[in-house]
Structures are given as structure tokens and as C-alpha cells.
């Protein structure tokens, strides 16, 4: 009988040790203590686009490239034709602009931008509601994006392929909706 109790105690310790090991492994691989956790990958944008140059030096406003279309749809990232309006020829002497013209403008090839805000298909986000009804300006959600000299690193989950860190996080949406007393039910954003 004493031998049976010893085996039970060993089994209990094995369970506790196994649980602790699994917890630590999960914390290590899924935790946010890495700049880029092991289960995440990172990429750079195909063009070193500078919002700072366009906003500060050229005096452009966000809405010159990102705007609501007449039907209320968000324009998103501008098509190459919008860039060609100014960049048929170089506007300066930067290496990045020269590469952009050579690789995309001259061959008239759309830039394969990595979209930071890509969401699951069941999530609906309306720029129209946030700009027209809530009357937010771009900085409320996008912060200093319009003043970055280079695009942020694109960090994505190797499992889901969705972008991380710059993606719209549901908890942040809910907190903002609560702060501004906006509808906060599931079907406000999930279709």
C-alpha cells in the first residue's frame, strides 16, 4: 500500500512539472517579451515610403491620398496613378524615390504593399462612421503614422498570417467605443 502512495505522489509531481513546463513554453513562444516572438515573422514594405516627406516637406494632407469615395467606401492605399501625378520624374535626389520610379512608375506596376490593417473576413470597420459620425481625425487611430520617415516593420503571425502590433485589436475598439459612448455590441463590427 505504501508503494501505491509513492507512485501517486510521483504522478502528481510529474503532472505539476509537466503543467509548469507547458505554461513556461507557452509564455515563451506566445508572450510579448520579444520584439518579434518566435511564432511571428517580419517583413519590410517594398518601398521605403516616407509619410514625413509628403506631409512636412510637400505639405500634403492625409485626405489627398486616403479619402472616402462618393459611395462612402474607403479608398485605402492609393493606386500607382495617384503617385504618378507627382512622381513621373524624381522630385528630389533620394535613392528610395529613384528605386520607386525604376521599379514601379516606369513599368507602371502597382506596389504590392503589405496591409497592416488586414482583418478577418467577419470584421467590418467603417472609416465613414469614424470620420463623418464620430468626426475623428486620422491621428486618433493612426497616431504619428503620417509623420513616419519609414514604414513600420510588418510583423505577422506565422500561424494566422495576420499582421500583429499594428492590427486593430478588438479590446482597443471596445475601450474607445465605451469612452465615446458608441454602440459596442458584437454586431457593430462583426458581420
C-alpha atoms as a PDB file:
ATOM      1  CA  UNK A   1       0.000   0.000   0.000  1.00  0.00           C
ATOM      2  CA  UNK A   2       2.873   2.398   0.786  1.00  0.00           C
ATOM      3  CA  UNK A   3       4.292   1.708  -2.653  1.00  0.00           C
ATOM      4  CA  UNK A   4       0.963   2.755  -4.244  1.00  0.00           C
ATOM      5  CA  UNK A   5       1.020   6.118  -2.446  1.00  0.00           C
ATOM      6  CA  UNK A   6       4.580   6.741  -3.612  1.00  0.00           C
ATOM      7  CA  UNK A   7       3.526   6.185  -7.225  1.00  0.00           C
ATOM      8  CA  UNK A   8       0.580   8.549  -6.776  1.00  0.00           C
ATOM      9  CA  UNK A   9       2.884  11.246  -5.403  1.00  0.00           C
ATOM     10  CA  UNK A  10       5.302  10.757  -8.304  1.00  0.00           C
ATOM     11  CA  UNK A  11       2.411  11.025 -10.749  1.00  0.00           C
ATOM     12  CA  UNK A  12       1.233  14.219  -9.061  1.00  0.00           C
ATOM     13  CA  UNK A  13       4.692  15.770  -9.267  1.00  0.00           C
ATOM     14  CA  UNK A  14       5.015  14.710 -12.897  1.00  0.00           C
ATOM     15  CA  UNK A  15       1.696  16.419 -13.647  1.00  0.00           C
ATOM     16  CA  UNK A  16       2.712  19.629 -11.831  1.00  0.00           C
ATOM     17  CA  UNK A  17       6.125  19.684 -13.538  1.00  0.00           C
ATOM     18  CA  UNK A  18       4.558  18.971 -16.952  1.00  0.00           C
ATOM     19  CA  UNK A  19       1.979  21.705 -16.451  1.00  0.00           C
ATOM     20  CA  UNK A  20       4.641  24.212 -15.353  1.00  0.00           C
ATOM     21  CA  UNK A  21       6.840  23.292 -18.336  1.00  0.00           C
ATOM     22  CA  UNK A  22       3.914  23.676 -20.768  1.00  0.00           C
ATOM     23  CA  UNK A  23       2.991  27.026 -19.180  1.00  0.00           C
ATOM     24  CA  UNK A  24       6.550  28.345 -19.466  1.00  0.00           C
ATOM     25  CA  UNK A  25       6.872  27.129 -23.065  1.00  0.00           C
ATOM     26  CA  UNK A  26       3.588  28.848 -23.951  1.00  0.00           C
ATOM     27  CA  UNK A  27       4.658  32.034 -22.221  1.00  0.00           C
ATOM     28  CA  UNK A  28       7.990  31.914 -24.063  1.00  0.00           C
ATOM     29  CA  UNK A  29       6.580  31.283 -27.548  1.00  0.00           C
ATOM     30  CA  UNK A  30       3.383  33.336 -27.359  1.00  0.00           C
ATOM     31  CA  UNK A  31       4.475  36.102 -24.987  1.00  0.00           C
ATOM     32  CA  UNK A  32       5.127  39.711 -25.866  1.00  0.00           C
ATOM     33  CA  UNK A  33       8.555  39.890 -24.235  1.00  0.00           C
ATOM     34  CA  UNK A  34      10.278  39.528 -27.620  1.00  0.00           C
ATOM     35  CA  UNK A  35      10.441  42.381 -30.132  1.00  0.00           C
ATOM     36  CA  UNK A  36       9.308  39.713 -32.595  1.00  0.00           C
ATOM     37  CA  UNK A  37       8.241  36.492 -30.819  1.00  0.00           C
ATOM     38  CA  UNK A  38       9.379  33.171 -32.365  1.00  0.00           C
ATOM     39  CA  UNK A  39       5.944  32.452 -33.839  1.00  0.00           C
ATOM     40  CA  UNK A  40       5.955  35.772 -35.680  1.00  0.00           C
ATOM     41  CA  UNK A  41       7.767  36.831 -38.816  1.00  0.00           C
ATOM     42  CA  UNK A  42       8.666  40.264 -40.046  1.00  0.00           C
ATOM     43  CA  UNK A  43       8.885  41.867 -43.460  1.00  0.00           C
ATOM     44  CA  UNK A  44       9.670  45.304 -44.803  1.00  0.00           C
ATOM     45  CA  UNK A  45       7.474  47.224 -47.207  1.00  0.00           C
ATOM     46  CA  UNK A  46       8.515  47.000 -50.879  1.00  0.00           C
ATOM     47  CA  UNK A  47       9.035  50.789 -50.977  1.00  0.00           C
ATOM     48  CA  UNK A  48      10.621  52.895 -48.224  1.00  0.00           C
ATOM     49  CA  UNK A  49       7.730  55.368 -48.338  1.00  0.00           C
ATOM     50  CA  UNK A  50       8.124  58.477 -46.188  1.00  0.00           C
ATOM     51  CA  UNK A  51       4.894  59.986 -44.915  1.00  0.00           C
ATOM     52  CA  UNK A  52       7.064  62.650 -43.277  1.00  0.00           C
ATOM     53  CA  UNK A  53       8.420  63.902 -46.624  1.00  0.00           C
ATOM     54  CA  UNK A  54       4.933  64.029 -48.130  1.00  0.00           C
ATOM     55  CA  UNK A  55       3.284  65.713 -45.118  1.00  0.00           C
ATOM     56  CA  UNK A  56       6.006  68.059 -43.878  1.00  0.00           C
ATOM     57  CA  UNK A  57       8.070  68.814 -46.986  1.00  0.00           C
ATOM     58  CA  UNK A  58       5.385  68.615 -49.690  1.00  0.00           C
ATOM     59  CA  UNK A  59       2.621  69.977 -47.425  1.00  0.00           C
ATOM     60  CA  UNK A  60       0.149  67.209 -48.273  1.00  0.00           C
ATOM     61  CA  UNK A  61      -2.809  66.247 -46.078  1.00  0.00           C
ATOM     62  CA  UNK A  62      -3.859  62.647 -45.370  1.00  0.00           C
ATOM     63  CA  UNK A  63      -7.044  63.085 -47.417  1.00  0.00           C
ATOM     64  CA  UNK A  64      -5.098  63.796 -50.607  1.00  0.00           C
ATOM     65  CA  UNK A  65      -4.234  60.095 -50.842  1.00  0.00           C
ATOM     66  CA  UNK A  66      -6.616  58.455 -48.341  1.00  0.00           C
ATOM     67  CA  UNK A  67     -10.246  59.533 -48.631  1.00  0.00           C
ATOM     68  CA  UNK A  68     -13.874  58.488 -48.679  1.00  0.00           C
ATOM     69  CA  UNK A  69     -15.157  57.808 -52.171  1.00  0.00           C
ATOM     70  CA  UNK A  70     -18.514  59.235 -53.271  1.00  0.00           C
ATOM     71  CA  UNK A  71     -20.256  55.951 -52.368  1.00  0.00           C
ATOM     72  CA  UNK A  72     -18.806  56.046 -48.801  1.00  0.00           C
ATOM     73  CA  UNK A  73     -16.161  53.369 -49.411  1.00  0.00           C
ATOM     74  CA  UNK A  74     -12.677  53.987 -48.071  1.00  0.00           C
ATOM     75  CA  UNK A  75     -10.064  54.472 -50.777  1.00  0.00           C
ATOM     76  CA  UNK A  76      -7.359  52.667 -48.805  1.00  0.00           C
ATOM     77  CA  UNK A  77      -3.798  52.735 -50.074  1.00  0.00           C
ATOM     78  CA  UNK A  78      -3.613  54.878 -53.219  1.00  0.00           C
ATOM     79  CA  UNK A  79      -3.096  53.259 -56.587  1.00  0.00           C
ATOM     80  CA  UNK A  80       0.055  53.938 -58.579  1.00  0.00           C
ATOM     81  CA  UNK A  81      -1.747  56.505 -60.779  1.00  0.00           C
ATOM     82  CA  UNK A  82      -2.075  58.787 -57.729  1.00  0.00           C
ATOM     83  CA  UNK A  83       1.697  58.567 -57.131  1.00  0.00           C
ATOM     84  CA  UNK A  84       2.431  59.200 -60.815  1.00  0.00           C
ATOM     85  CA  UNK A  85       0.663  62.581 -60.574  1.00  0.00           C
ATOM     86  CA  UNK A  86       3.820  63.860 -58.832  1.00  0.00           C
ATOM     87  CA  UNK A  87       6.418  61.163 -59.434  1.00  0.00           C
ATOM     88  CA  UNK A  88       6.531  60.780 -63.225  1.00  0.00           C
ATOM     89  CA  UNK A  89      10.018  62.228 -62.728  1.00  0.00           C
ATOM     90  CA  UNK A  90      12.067  62.410 -59.498  1.00  0.00           C
ATOM     91  CA  UNK A  91      11.102  65.208 -57.090  1.00  0.00           C
ATOM     92  CA  UNK A  92      14.403  65.005 -55.236  1.00  0.00           C
ATOM     93  CA  UNK A  93      17.601  63.017 -55.216  1.00  0.00           C
ATOM     94  CA  UNK A  94      16.742  60.220 -52.789  1.00  0.00           C
ATOM     95  CA  UNK A  95      17.798  56.678 -53.610  1.00  0.00           C
ATOM     96  CA  UNK A  96      14.382  55.387 -52.428  1.00  0.00           C
ATOM     97  CA  UNK A  97      12.471  57.599 -54.876  1.00  0.00           C
ATOM     98  CA  UNK A  98      14.777  56.605 -57.751  1.00  0.00           C
ATOM     99  CA  UNK A  99      14.144  52.911 -56.974  1.00  0.00           C
ATOM    100  CA  UNK A 100      10.391  53.543 -56.737  1.00  0.00           C
ATOM    101  CA  UNK A 101      10.343  55.194 -60.177  1.00  0.00           C
ATOM    102  CA  UNK A 102      12.539  52.495 -61.715  1.00  0.00           C
ATOM    103  CA  UNK A 103      10.655  49.515 -60.217  1.00  0.00           C
ATOM    104  CA  UNK A 104       7.044  50.746 -60.247  1.00  0.00           C
ATOM    105  CA  UNK A 105       6.433  54.020 -62.127  1.00  0.00           C
ATOM    106  CA  UNK A 106       8.337  53.288 -65.364  1.00  0.00           C
ATOM    107  CA  UNK A 107       6.900  49.753 -65.802  1.00  0.00           C
ATOM    108  CA  UNK A 108       3.511  51.013 -64.481  1.00  0.00           C
ATOM    109  CA  UNK A 109       3.434  48.203 -61.906  1.00  0.00           C
ATOM    110  CA  UNK A 110       1.282  48.518 -58.753  1.00  0.00           C
ATOM    111  CA  UNK A 111       3.220  48.415 -55.489  1.00  0.00           C
ATOM    112  CA  UNK A 112       2.466  45.175 -53.572  1.00  0.00           C
ATOM    113  CA  UNK A 113       2.007  46.934 -50.219  1.00  0.00           C
ATOM    114  CA  UNK A 114       1.735  44.851 -47.067  1.00  0.00           C
ATOM    115  CA  UNK A 115      -1.525  45.963 -45.432  1.00  0.00           C
ATOM    116  CA  UNK A 116      -1.148  46.490 -41.679  1.00  0.00           C
ATOM    117  CA  UNK A 117      -4.893  46.688 -41.067  1.00  0.00           C
ATOM    118  CA  UNK A 118      -5.931  43.415 -42.729  1.00  0.00           C
ATOM    119  CA  UNK A 119      -8.709  41.949 -40.605  1.00  0.00           C
ATOM    120  CA  UNK A 120     -10.588  38.621 -40.582  1.00  0.00           C
ATOM    121  CA  UNK A 121     -13.499  38.470 -43.039  1.00  0.00           C
ATOM    122  CA  UNK A 122     -16.065  38.632 -40.220  1.00  0.00           C
ATOM    123  CA  UNK A 123     -14.793  42.062 -39.073  1.00  0.00           C
ATOM    124  CA  UNK A 124     -16.188  45.238 -40.603  1.00  0.00           C
ATOM    125  CA  UNK A 125     -14.544  48.596 -39.996  1.00  0.00           C
ATOM    126  CA  UNK A 126     -16.104  51.758 -41.396  1.00  0.00           C
ATOM    127  CA  UNK A 127     -13.871  54.765 -41.957  1.00  0.00           C
ATOM    128  CA  UNK A 128     -17.039  56.675 -42.896  1.00  0.00           C
ATOM    129  CA  UNK A 129     -18.547  56.141 -39.441  1.00  0.00           C
ATOM    130  CA  UNK A 130     -15.363  57.224 -37.700  1.00  0.00           C
ATOM    131  CA  UNK A 131     -14.719  60.258 -39.925  1.00  0.00           C
ATOM    132  CA  UNK A 132     -18.263  61.512 -40.581  1.00  0.00           C
ATOM    133  CA  UNK A 133     -20.250  60.470 -37.498  1.00  0.00           C
ATOM    134  CA  UNK A 134     -17.564  60.459 -34.777  1.00  0.00           C
ATOM    135  CA  UNK A 135     -15.668  63.266 -36.564  1.00  0.00           C
ATOM    136  CA  UNK A 136     -12.290  61.754 -35.714  1.00  0.00           C
ATOM    137  CA  UNK A 137      -9.176  62.972 -37.446  1.00  0.00           C
ATOM    138  CA  UNK A 138      -6.643  60.437 -38.710  1.00  0.00           C
ATOM    139  CA  UNK A 139      -4.330  60.835 -35.693  1.00  0.00           C
ATOM    140  CA  UNK A 140      -6.936  59.452 -33.264  1.00  0.00           C
ATOM    141  CA  UNK A 141      -6.400  55.926 -34.614  1.00  0.00           C
ATOM    142  CA  UNK A 142      -3.236  56.175 -36.692  1.00  0.00           C
ATOM    143  CA  UNK A 143      -1.186  58.251 -34.255  1.00  0.00           C
ATOM    144  CA  UNK A 144       2.020  59.578 -35.814  1.00  0.00           C
ATOM    145  CA  UNK A 145       1.877  57.295 -38.880  1.00  0.00           C
ATOM    146  CA  UNK A 146       1.604  60.377 -41.076  1.00  0.00           C
ATOM    147  CA  UNK A 147       4.950  61.617 -39.771  1.00  0.00           C
ATOM    148  CA  UNK A 148       6.999  58.406 -40.058  1.00  0.00           C
ATOM    149  CA  UNK A 149      10.093  58.665 -42.195  1.00  0.00           C
ATOM    150  CA  UNK A 150       9.876  54.945 -42.975  1.00  0.00           C
ATOM    151  CA  UNK A 151       7.021  52.451 -42.791  1.00  0.00           C
ATOM    152  CA  UNK A 152       6.955  50.409 -39.579  1.00  0.00           C
ATOM    153  CA  UNK A 153       8.187  46.822 -39.774  1.00  0.00           C
ATOM    154  CA  UNK A 154       5.384  44.493 -40.834  1.00  0.00           C
ATOM    155  CA  UNK A 155       5.123  41.856 -38.088  1.00  0.00           C
ATOM    156  CA  UNK A 156       2.784  38.953 -38.794  1.00  0.00           C
ATOM    157  CA  UNK A 157       1.718  35.696 -37.166  1.00  0.00           C
ATOM    158  CA  UNK A 158       3.303  32.679 -38.835  1.00  0.00           C
ATOM    159  CA  UNK A 159       0.158  30.711 -37.942  1.00  0.00           C
ATOM    160  CA  UNK A 160      -2.702  33.018 -38.976  1.00  0.00           C
ATOM    161  CA  UNK A 161      -0.722  35.244 -41.402  1.00  0.00           C
ATOM    162  CA  UNK A 162      -2.490  38.293 -39.922  1.00  0.00           C
ATOM    163  CA  UNK A 163      -0.384  41.353 -39.057  1.00  0.00           C
ATOM    164  CA  UNK A 164       0.382  41.968 -35.390  1.00  0.00           C
ATOM    165  CA  UNK A 165       1.082  45.059 -33.282  1.00  0.00           C
ATOM    166  CA  UNK A 166      -0.424  47.459 -35.837  1.00  0.00           C
ATOM    167  CA  UNK A 167      -3.597  45.447 -36.373  1.00  0.00           C
ATOM    168  CA  UNK A 168      -6.860  46.737 -34.949  1.00  0.00           C
ATOM    169  CA  UNK A 169      -7.283  44.915 -31.645  1.00  0.00           C
ATOM    170  CA  UNK A 170     -10.861  44.261 -30.547  1.00  0.00           C
ATOM    171  CA  UNK A 171     -10.216  45.308 -26.943  1.00  0.00           C
ATOM    172  CA  UNK A 172      -8.906  48.694 -28.113  1.00  0.00           C
ATOM    173  CA  UNK A 173     -12.025  49.192 -30.255  1.00  0.00           C
ATOM    174  CA  UNK A 174     -14.310  48.299 -27.365  1.00  0.00           C
ATOM    175  CA  UNK A 175     -12.464  50.627 -24.982  1.00  0.00           C
ATOM    176  CA  UNK A 176     -12.752  53.510 -27.452  1.00  0.00           C
ATOM    177  CA  UNK A 177     -16.438  52.797 -28.138  1.00  0.00           C
ATOM    178  CA  UNK A 178     -17.069  52.845 -24.382  1.00  0.00           C
ATOM    179  CA  UNK A 179     -15.098  56.096 -23.954  1.00  0.00           C
ATOM    180  CA  UNK A 180     -17.165  57.852 -26.667  1.00  0.00           C
ATOM    181  CA  UNK A 181     -20.454  56.123 -25.747  1.00  0.00           C
ATOM    182  CA  UNK A 182     -20.693  54.447 -29.179  1.00  0.00           C
ATOM    183  CA  UNK A 183     -22.535  51.171 -29.860  1.00  0.00           C
ATOM    184  CA  UNK A 184     -20.484  48.291 -28.511  1.00  0.00           C
ATOM    185  CA  UNK A 185     -22.459  45.153 -29.327  1.00  0.00           C
ATOM    186  CA  UNK A 186     -20.891  42.294 -31.307  1.00  0.00           C
ATOM    187  CA  UNK A 187     -22.806  43.120 -34.488  1.00  0.00           C
ATOM    188  CA  UNK A 188     -21.494  46.684 -34.564  1.00  0.00           C
ATOM    189  CA  UNK A 189     -18.236  45.358 -36.013  1.00  0.00           C
ATOM    190  CA  UNK A 190     -18.780  41.630 -36.645  1.00  0.00           C
ATOM    191  CA  UNK A 191     -20.836  40.618 -39.659  1.00  0.00           C
END
